Amino acid sequence: MAAEIRYAFAVDWDPEWVKPGGAHSWHEDAGWFARCGACLQDSPAFAGQGEAIEWALSHENLERMGPS
């Protein structure tokens, strides 16, 4: 039984889990991070969660617009 517990937490992150207009964000020792919902690139570390989410949403908009 205990050998199977590690597999219960092995899931791939899915952008569909994020509400429209939001961004997946998390905190680590280095600061706040967020993930672009279009290309799945992670942000650099930011001091605040809002800054990280702002980066992710801006990056997502650029990705969806494509090359100009």
N, C-alpha and C. Protein backbone atom coordinates (compact mmCIF):
# COMPACT_ATOMS: atom_id res chain seq x y z
N MET A 1 0.82 -1.19 0.00
CA MET A 1 0.00 0.00 0.00
C MET A 1 0.87 1.26 0.00
N ALA A 2 1.85 1.33 0.86
CA ALA A 2 2.69 2.52 0.96
C ALA A 2 3.46 2.77 -0.32
N ALA A 3 3.80 1.74 -1.05
CA ALA A 3 4.54 1.90 -2.30
C ALA A 3 3.71 2.62 -3.35
N GLU A 4 2.41 2.54 -3.26
CA GLU A 4 1.52 3.15 -4.25
C GLU A 4 1.17 4.60 -3.92
N ILE A 5 1.46 5.05 -2.71
CA ILE A 5 1.10 6.41 -2.31
C ILE A 5 1.78 7.45 -3.19
N ARG A 6 3.03 7.25 -3.55
CA ARG A 6 3.73 8.25 -4.36
C ARG A 6 3.07 8.47 -5.70
N TYR A 7 2.40 7.47 -6.24
CA TYR A 7 1.73 7.62 -7.53
C TYR A 7 0.44 8.41 -7.42
N ALA A 8 -0.13 8.47 -6.22
CA ALA A 8 -1.36 9.23 -6.03
C ALA A 8 -1.13 10.72 -6.24
N PHE A 9 0.12 11.17 -6.11
CA PHE A 9 0.44 12.58 -6.24
C PHE A 9 1.16 12.90 -7.54
N ALA A 10 1.36 11.93 -8.38
CA ALA A 10 2.06 12.14 -9.66
C ALA A 10 1.02 12.53 -10.71
N VAL A 11 0.82 13.85 -10.86
CA VAL A 11 -0.13 14.35 -11.85
C VAL A 11 0.56 15.41 -12.70
N ASP A 12 0.14 15.53 -13.93
CA ASP A 12 0.64 16.58 -14.80
C ASP A 12 -0.25 17.80 -14.63
N TRP A 13 0.36 18.98 -14.55
CA TRP A 13 -0.39 20.21 -14.42
C TRP A 13 -1.12 20.49 -15.73
N ASP A 14 -2.33 20.96 -15.65
CA ASP A 14 -3.15 21.23 -16.82
C ASP A 14 -3.63 22.68 -16.78
N PRO A 15 -3.39 23.45 -17.85
CA PRO A 15 -3.85 24.85 -17.86
C PRO A 15 -5.36 24.99 -17.68
N GLU A 16 -6.13 23.96 -17.95
CA GLU A 16 -7.59 24.03 -17.80
C GLU A 16 -8.00 24.17 -16.34
N TRP A 17 -7.10 23.93 -15.40
CA TRP A 17 -7.42 24.06 -13.98
C TRP A 17 -7.48 25.51 -13.53
N VAL A 18 -6.97 26.42 -14.34
CA VAL A 18 -6.93 27.84 -13.99
C VAL A 18 -8.19 28.52 -14.52
N LYS A 19 -8.81 29.31 -13.68
CA LYS A 19 -10.02 30.03 -14.08
C LYS A 19 -9.67 31.05 -15.16
N PRO A 20 -10.60 31.32 -16.09
CA PRO A 20 -10.34 32.32 -17.13
C PRO A 20 -9.93 33.66 -16.52
N GLY A 21 -8.90 34.26 -17.10
CA GLY A 21 -8.39 35.53 -16.60
C GLY A 21 -7.42 35.40 -15.44
N GLY A 22 -7.13 34.17 -15.05
CA GLY A 22 -6.22 33.92 -13.94
C GLY A 22 -4.95 33.26 -14.42
N ALA A 23 -4.07 32.98 -13.48
CA ALA A 23 -2.82 32.31 -13.80
C ALA A 23 -2.44 31.40 -12.63
N HIS A 24 -1.84 30.29 -12.95
CA HIS A 24 -1.34 29.38 -11.91
C HIS A 24 -0.14 30.03 -11.26
N SER A 25 -0.17 30.19 -9.94
CA SER A 25 0.95 30.83 -9.24
C SER A 25 1.28 30.03 -7.99
N TRP A 26 2.52 30.17 -7.54
CA TRP A 26 2.96 29.47 -6.34
C TRP A 26 4.13 30.23 -5.72
N HIS A 27 4.41 29.91 -4.46
CA HIS A 27 5.48 30.56 -3.73
C HIS A 27 6.56 29.55 -3.38
N GLU A 28 7.81 29.94 -3.58
CA GLU A 28 8.97 29.17 -3.17
C GLU A 28 9.89 30.11 -2.40
N ASP A 29 11.00 29.59 -1.90
CA ASP A 29 11.93 30.42 -1.14
C ASP A 29 12.42 31.63 -1.93
N ALA A 30 12.58 31.48 -3.25
CA ALA A 30 13.09 32.57 -4.08
C ALA A 30 12.05 33.66 -4.33
N GLY A 31 10.77 33.38 -4.12
CA GLY A 31 9.71 34.35 -4.34
C GLY A 31 8.49 33.72 -4.99
N TRP A 32 7.69 34.56 -5.63
CA TRP A 32 6.46 34.13 -6.29
C TRP A 32 6.73 33.85 -7.77
N PHE A 33 6.08 32.80 -8.27
CA PHE A 33 6.18 32.39 -9.67
C PHE A 33 4.79 32.21 -10.23
N ALA A 34 4.66 32.33 -11.54
CA ALA A 34 3.40 32.07 -12.22
C ALA A 34 3.74 31.42 -13.56
N ARG A 35 2.77 30.71 -14.11
CA ARG A 35 2.98 29.98 -15.36
C ARG A 35 2.10 30.55 -16.46
N CYS A 36 2.72 30.80 -17.62
CA CYS A 36 1.98 31.25 -18.80
C CYS A 36 1.05 30.12 -19.23
N GLY A 37 -0.22 30.42 -19.40
CA GLY A 37 -1.19 29.41 -19.81
C GLY A 37 -1.11 29.03 -21.27
N ALA A 38 -0.38 29.80 -22.07
CA ALA A 38 -0.27 29.50 -23.51
C ALA A 38 0.93 28.62 -23.81
N CYS A 39 2.10 28.98 -23.28
CA CYS A 39 3.32 28.23 -23.62
C CYS A 39 3.85 27.42 -22.44
N LEU A 40 3.25 27.58 -21.26
CA LEU A 40 3.62 26.89 -20.03
C LEU A 40 5.00 27.26 -19.50
N GLN A 41 5.51 28.43 -19.92
CA GLN A 41 6.79 28.93 -19.38
C GLN A 41 6.55 29.52 -18.00
N ASP A 42 7.47 29.26 -17.08
CA ASP A 42 7.38 29.82 -15.74
C ASP A 42 8.04 31.20 -15.70
N SER A 43 7.47 32.05 -14.89
CA SER A 43 7.99 33.41 -14.73
C SER A 43 9.29 33.39 -13.95
N PRO A 44 10.03 34.51 -14.00
CA PRO A 44 11.12 34.67 -13.05
C PRO A 44 10.51 34.89 -11.66
N ALA A 45 11.33 34.87 -10.63
CA ALA A 45 10.84 35.10 -9.26
C ALA A 45 10.45 36.56 -9.07
N PHE A 46 9.34 36.79 -8.40
CA PHE A 46 8.87 38.13 -8.07
C PHE A 46 8.64 38.22 -6.57
N ALA A 47 8.69 39.43 -6.04
CA ALA A 47 8.47 39.64 -4.61
C ALA A 47 7.01 39.41 -4.22
N GLY A 48 6.08 39.70 -5.14
CA GLY A 48 4.66 39.56 -4.84
C GLY A 48 3.94 38.65 -5.81
N GLN A 49 2.87 38.05 -5.33
CA GLN A 49 2.07 37.16 -6.16
C GLN A 49 1.44 37.91 -7.33
N GLY A 50 0.95 39.12 -7.08
CA GLY A 50 0.32 39.91 -8.13
C GLY A 50 1.26 40.19 -9.29
N GLU A 51 2.52 40.47 -8.97
CA GLU A 51 3.51 40.74 -10.02
C GLU A 51 3.74 39.50 -10.88
N ALA A 52 3.81 38.35 -10.24
CA ALA A 52 4.03 37.10 -10.98
C ALA A 52 2.84 36.80 -11.89
N ILE A 53 1.64 36.98 -11.37
CA ILE A 53 0.44 36.74 -12.18
C ILE A 53 0.37 37.73 -13.33
N GLU A 54 0.70 38.98 -13.07
CA GLU A 54 0.71 40.00 -14.12
C GLU A 54 1.67 39.60 -15.24
N TRP A 55 2.86 39.10 -14.87
CA TRP A 55 3.83 38.63 -15.87
C TRP A 55 3.22 37.50 -16.71
N ALA A 56 2.62 36.53 -16.04
CA ALA A 56 2.06 35.38 -16.75
C ALA A 56 0.96 35.79 -17.72
N LEU A 57 0.06 36.67 -17.29
CA LEU A 57 -1.03 37.11 -18.16
C LEU A 57 -0.51 37.92 -19.34
N SER A 58 0.48 38.76 -19.09
CA SER A 58 1.08 39.54 -20.17
C SER A 58 1.78 38.62 -21.17
N HIS A 59 2.52 37.65 -20.65
CA HIS A 59 3.22 36.69 -21.50
C HIS A 59 2.23 35.88 -22.32
N GLU A 60 1.14 35.48 -21.70
CA GLU A 60 0.10 34.71 -22.39
C GLU A 60 -0.50 35.51 -23.53
N ASN A 61 -0.76 36.79 -23.29
CA ASN A 61 -1.32 37.64 -24.36
C ASN A 61 -0.35 37.75 -25.53
N LEU A 62 0.94 37.91 -25.24
CA LEU A 62 1.95 37.98 -26.30
C LEU A 62 2.02 36.68 -27.08
N GLU A 63 1.94 35.56 -26.38
CA GLU A 63 2.00 34.25 -27.03
C GLU A 63 0.79 34.03 -27.94
N ARG A 64 -0.36 34.44 -27.48
CA ARG A 64 -1.59 34.22 -28.27
C ARG A 64 -1.63 35.15 -29.50
N MET A 65 -0.99 36.31 -29.40
CA MET A 65 -0.94 37.24 -30.54
C MET A 65 -0.03 36.72 -31.63
N GLY A 66 0.99 35.98 -31.24
CA GLY A 66 1.94 35.44 -32.22
C GLY A 66 2.94 36.48 -32.67
N PRO A 67 3.83 36.07 -33.58
CA PRO A 67 4.83 37.02 -34.08
C PRO A 67 4.19 38.16 -34.86
N SER A 68 4.74 39.35 -34.71
CA SER A 68 4.16 40.50 -35.43
C SER A 68 4.97 40.85 -36.65
